[in-house]
């Protein structure tokens, strides 16, 4: 009878080595499907689930996230379509306006109807006889920073600027957006939209529509000024 050879202790892998191996062989469980029946992963809500169930849960979470992102992109596309339609309508309105007063009146009406704006004000810079829309030279200084920025300003704005734009209604303005109107660096005026709600116009809101609207309006004002000078 021969003596049996002594048993040797098995070599154990560390958790780090197992993790490294699985990372290097992500298809391991595809080739060893039977292991999924015995492996368990602790679940955050208690108990345990199989790896495949955990993977399915993760895929469902990812699917919900992608669905949400897709819905957001679709809604943004619809918003852009609405903005384009509003700008198209306004461009057509300005093209058919008779005179500067007509262009300003139609623009204000369009903003109230299309955007449901509560307060709309257009103040024109320069020497004008129109006291209704003219921005006095002493008030123009309130908008120097606005023209220097060259883009809309939104939120809760300084009282002097609101007073210059909205007059007696300035005290009721909870939030507003001001758009500088200029063509080739020449100050044409300021467009103001006001709301009684402090949350309607926020500092971080998108200003794509108002920016392009201001460009259209500034160009219309310039064209009518040129016509007025030519007729004069």
Protein backbone atom coordinates (compact mmCIF):
# COMPACT_ATOMS: atom_id res chain seq x y z
CA UNK A 1 0.00 0.00 0.00
CA UNK A 2 1.43 3.25 -1.03
CA UNK A 3 1.08 6.34 1.11
CA UNK A 4 -1.30 8.89 -0.23
CA UNK A 5 0.20 12.21 -1.22
CA UNK A 6 -0.55 15.07 1.15
CA UNK A 7 -3.41 17.40 0.21
CA UNK A 8 -2.40 20.85 -0.78
CA UNK A 9 -4.44 23.96 0.06
CA UNK A 10 -6.28 25.28 -3.01
CA UNK A 11 -5.23 28.59 -4.44
CA UNK A 12 -7.87 31.25 -3.77
CA UNK A 13 -8.40 34.25 -6.01
CA UNK A 14 -8.85 37.66 -4.48
CA UNK A 15 -12.01 39.67 -5.15
CA UNK A 16 -9.93 42.16 -7.11
CA UNK A 17 -8.60 39.42 -9.35
CA UNK A 18 -12.12 38.10 -10.00
CA UNK A 19 -13.37 41.60 -10.82
CA UNK A 20 -10.43 42.21 -13.16
CA UNK A 21 -11.04 38.90 -14.90
CA UNK A 22 -14.75 39.65 -15.45
CA UNK A 23 -13.94 43.09 -16.78
CA UNK A 24 -11.51 41.55 -19.25
CA UNK A 25 -14.06 38.89 -20.23
CA UNK A 26 -17.50 40.60 -20.34
CA UNK A 27 -18.94 37.63 -22.24
CA UNK A 28 -17.99 35.16 -19.49
CA UNK A 29 -21.57 34.57 -18.32
CA UNK A 30 -22.75 34.11 -21.90
CA UNK A 31 -20.44 31.07 -22.06
CA UNK A 32 -21.38 29.95 -18.53
CA UNK A 33 -25.09 30.65 -18.36
CA UNK A 34 -25.66 28.06 -15.62
CA UNK A 35 -23.80 30.25 -13.13
CA UNK A 36 -26.57 32.84 -13.32
CA UNK A 37 -28.82 30.40 -11.49
CA UNK A 38 -26.65 30.42 -8.37
CA UNK A 39 -25.09 33.87 -8.33
CA UNK A 40 -26.84 36.57 -6.31
CA UNK A 41 -26.35 40.34 -6.10
CA UNK A 42 -27.67 42.30 -3.09
CA UNK A 43 -30.57 44.54 -4.03
CA UNK A 44 -30.80 48.10 -2.72
CA UNK A 45 -34.32 47.47 -1.43
CA UNK A 46 -33.30 44.37 0.48
CA UNK A 47 -33.27 40.71 -0.48
CA UNK A 48 -31.39 39.59 -3.56
CA UNK A 49 -31.87 39.26 -7.27
CA UNK A 50 -30.10 37.29 -9.94
CA UNK A 51 -27.57 39.02 -12.15
CA UNK A 52 -29.82 38.76 -15.16
CA UNK A 53 -32.70 40.36 -13.23
CA UNK A 54 -30.39 43.13 -12.10
CA UNK A 55 -29.24 43.67 -15.65
CA UNK A 56 -32.82 43.81 -16.88
CA UNK A 57 -33.62 46.39 -14.17
CA UNK A 58 -30.68 48.52 -15.25
CA UNK A 59 -31.75 48.28 -18.88
CA UNK A 60 -35.26 49.35 -17.92
CA UNK A 61 -33.89 52.37 -16.05
CA UNK A 62 -31.79 53.29 -19.07
CA UNK A 63 -34.80 52.82 -21.34
CA UNK A 64 -36.91 55.15 -19.19
CA UNK A 65 -34.14 57.74 -19.24
CA UNK A 66 -33.84 57.56 -23.03
CA UNK A 67 -37.61 57.84 -23.40
CA UNK A 68 -37.59 60.94 -21.22
CA UNK A 69 -34.73 62.48 -23.23
CA UNK A 70 -36.54 61.69 -26.47
CA UNK A 71 -39.73 63.33 -25.16
CA UNK A 72 -37.71 66.43 -24.20
CA UNK A 73 -36.13 66.61 -27.66
CA UNK A 74 -39.51 66.21 -29.36
CA UNK A 75 -40.98 68.99 -27.20
CA UNK A 76 -38.02 71.22 -27.97
CA UNK A 77 -38.49 70.57 -31.68
CA UNK A 78 -42.14 71.51 -31.37
CA UNK A 79 -41.18 74.69 -29.50
CA UNK A 80 -38.73 75.59 -32.27
CA UNK A 81 -41.45 74.97 -34.83
CA UNK A 82 -43.82 77.28 -32.94
CA UNK A 83 -41.09 79.93 -32.70
CA UNK A 84 -40.48 79.71 -36.44
CA UNK A 85 -44.18 80.07 -37.13
CA UNK A 86 -44.43 83.12 -34.84
CA UNK A 87 -41.46 84.77 -36.55
CA UNK A 88 -42.91 84.04 -39.98
CA UNK A 89 -46.22 85.60 -39.05
CA UNK A 90 -44.52 88.64 -37.58
CA UNK A 91 -42.36 89.08 -40.69
CA UNK A 92 -45.48 89.00 -42.86
CA UNK A 93 -47.16 91.48 -40.53
CA UNK A 94 -44.26 93.92 -40.73
CA UNK A 95 -44.10 93.62 -44.51
CA UNK A 96 -47.72 94.73 -44.83
CA UNK A 97 -47.59 97.48 -42.21
CA UNK A 98 -48.36 100.98 -43.40
CA UNK A 99 -45.91 103.38 -41.81
CA UNK A 100 -43.92 103.16 -38.61
CA UNK A 101 -46.90 103.57 -36.31
CA UNK A 102 -48.65 100.72 -38.10
CA UNK A 103 -45.57 98.47 -37.76
CA UNK A 104 -45.29 99.14 -34.03
CA UNK A 105 -49.01 98.67 -33.41
CA UNK A 106 -49.13 95.41 -35.35
CA UNK A 107 -46.03 94.12 -33.56
CA UNK A 108 -47.56 94.82 -30.16
CA UNK A 109 -50.79 93.15 -31.19
CA UNK A 110 -48.94 90.10 -32.51
CA UNK A 111 -46.97 89.73 -29.27
CA UNK A 112 -50.12 89.92 -27.19
CA UNK A 113 -51.96 87.41 -29.38
CA UNK A 114 -49.15 85.01 -30.24
CA UNK A 115 -47.21 85.01 -26.97
CA UNK A 116 -50.02 86.07 -24.63
CA UNK A 117 -47.74 88.84 -23.35
CA UNK A 118 -49.37 90.94 -20.64
CA UNK A 119 -47.36 94.11 -21.20
CA UNK A 120 -45.66 95.08 -24.44
CA UNK A 121 -43.70 98.27 -24.93
CA UNK A 122 -41.56 99.59 -27.77
CA UNK A 123 -39.48 102.70 -27.19
CA UNK A 124 -37.60 104.32 -30.04
CA UNK A 125 -34.25 106.08 -29.76
CA UNK A 126 -33.23 109.23 -31.59
CA UNK A 127 -34.91 112.52 -32.37
CA UNK A 128 -38.57 111.81 -33.06
CA UNK A 129 -41.81 113.69 -32.96
CA UNK A 130 -43.73 110.63 -31.80
CA UNK A 131 -44.05 111.17 -28.04
CA UNK A 132 -45.97 107.90 -27.64
CA UNK A 133 -43.02 105.70 -28.57
CA UNK A 134 -40.03 108.03 -28.25
CA UNK A 135 -37.42 107.23 -25.60
CA UNK A 136 -36.22 110.53 -24.11
CA UNK A 137 -32.47 111.12 -24.23
CA UNK A 138 -32.28 111.28 -20.44
CA UNK A 139 -33.86 107.81 -20.19
CA UNK A 140 -31.56 106.28 -22.78
CA UNK A 141 -28.76 106.08 -20.20
CA UNK A 142 -30.72 103.38 -18.34
CA UNK A 143 -30.17 101.08 -21.31
CA UNK A 144 -26.50 101.74 -22.07
CA UNK A 145 -25.46 98.43 -20.50
CA UNK A 146 -28.22 96.64 -22.43
CA UNK A 147 -26.92 97.98 -25.75
CA UNK A 148 -23.36 97.17 -24.73
CA UNK A 149 -24.40 93.54 -24.09
CA UNK A 150 -26.17 93.38 -27.42
CA UNK A 151 -28.57 90.69 -26.26
CA UNK A 152 -31.79 90.38 -24.23
CA UNK A 153 -31.85 90.87 -20.47
CA UNK A 154 -34.39 88.87 -18.45
CA UNK A 155 -35.65 88.67 -14.90
CA UNK A 156 -36.28 91.31 -12.29
CA UNK A 157 -34.91 94.47 -13.85
CA UNK A 158 -33.97 97.89 -12.41
CA UNK A 159 -36.92 100.14 -11.60
CA UNK A 160 -35.70 103.13 -13.68
CA UNK A 161 -35.55 100.98 -16.80
CA UNK A 162 -39.00 99.52 -16.12
CA UNK A 163 -40.40 103.00 -15.51
CA UNK A 164 -38.96 104.23 -18.80
CA UNK A 165 -40.44 101.26 -20.66
CA UNK A 166 -43.82 100.69 -19.01
CA UNK A 167 -44.66 104.01 -17.38
CA UNK A 168 -47.56 103.75 -14.94
CA UNK A 169 -47.62 99.95 -15.29
CA UNK A 170 -44.00 99.57 -14.11
CA UNK A 171 -45.04 98.90 -10.51
CA UNK A 172 -47.06 95.85 -11.57
CA UNK A 173 -44.16 94.21 -13.44
CA UNK A 174 -42.90 91.13 -11.59
CA UNK A 175 -40.46 90.09 -14.32
CA UNK A 176 -39.56 91.40 -17.74
CA UNK A 177 -37.39 90.95 -20.78
CA UNK A 178 -35.69 93.83 -22.58
CA UNK A 179 -34.31 93.52 -26.09
CA UNK A 180 -31.99 96.19 -27.55
CA UNK A 181 -32.97 97.20 -31.08
CA UNK A 182 -30.11 98.23 -33.33
CA UNK A 183 -29.02 98.01 -36.95
CA UNK A 184 -25.34 98.15 -37.92
CA UNK A 185 -24.46 99.42 -34.47
CA UNK A 186 -26.96 102.26 -34.59
CA UNK A 187 -29.38 102.31 -31.64
CA UNK A 188 -32.95 102.06 -32.86
CA UNK A 189 -34.85 101.48 -29.62
CA UNK A 190 -35.81 98.95 -26.97
CA UNK A 191 -38.47 96.24 -26.95
CA UNK A 192 -39.91 95.31 -23.58
CA UNK A 193 -42.16 92.45 -22.50
CA UNK A 194 -43.50 92.49 -18.96
CA UNK A 195 -45.40 90.08 -16.75
CA UNK A 196 -47.01 90.40 -13.34
CA UNK A 197 -45.57 87.01 -12.46
CA UNK A 198 -42.01 87.02 -11.07
CA UNK A 199 -41.41 83.62 -12.69
CA UNK A 200 -42.51 84.36 -16.26
CA UNK A 201 -39.21 85.81 -17.50
CA UNK A 202 -36.20 84.25 -15.77
CA UNK A 203 -32.51 85.16 -16.19
CA UNK A 204 -31.63 81.72 -17.59
CA UNK A 205 -34.53 81.44 -20.03
CA UNK A 206 -34.02 80.95 -23.76
CA UNK A 207 -34.11 84.14 -25.80
CA UNK A 208 -33.96 82.78 -29.34
CA UNK A 209 -37.40 84.08 -30.29
CA UNK A 210 -37.01 87.55 -28.76
CA UNK A 211 -33.56 87.98 -30.31
CA UNK A 212 -34.76 87.29 -33.84
CA UNK A 213 -37.96 89.22 -33.25
CA UNK A 214 -35.85 92.22 -32.22
CA UNK A 215 -33.78 91.92 -35.38
CA UNK A 216 -36.91 91.92 -37.53
CA UNK A 217 -38.40 94.85 -35.67
CA UNK A 218 -35.18 96.90 -35.76
CA UNK A 219 -34.90 96.39 -39.51
CA UNK A 220 -38.57 97.37 -40.00
CA UNK A 221 -38.03 100.55 -37.99
CA UNK A 222 -34.95 101.41 -40.03
CA UNK A 223 -36.80 100.84 -43.31
CA UNK A 224 -39.71 103.06 -42.28
CA UNK A 225 -37.28 105.75 -41.13
CA UNK A 226 -35.57 105.66 -44.52
CA UNK A 227 -38.93 105.94 -46.28
CA UNK A 228 -39.97 108.82 -44.06
CA UNK A 229 -36.75 110.70 -44.83
CA UNK A 230 -37.16 110.04 -48.55
CA UNK A 231 -40.76 111.26 -48.53
CA UNK A 232 -39.82 114.26 -46.41
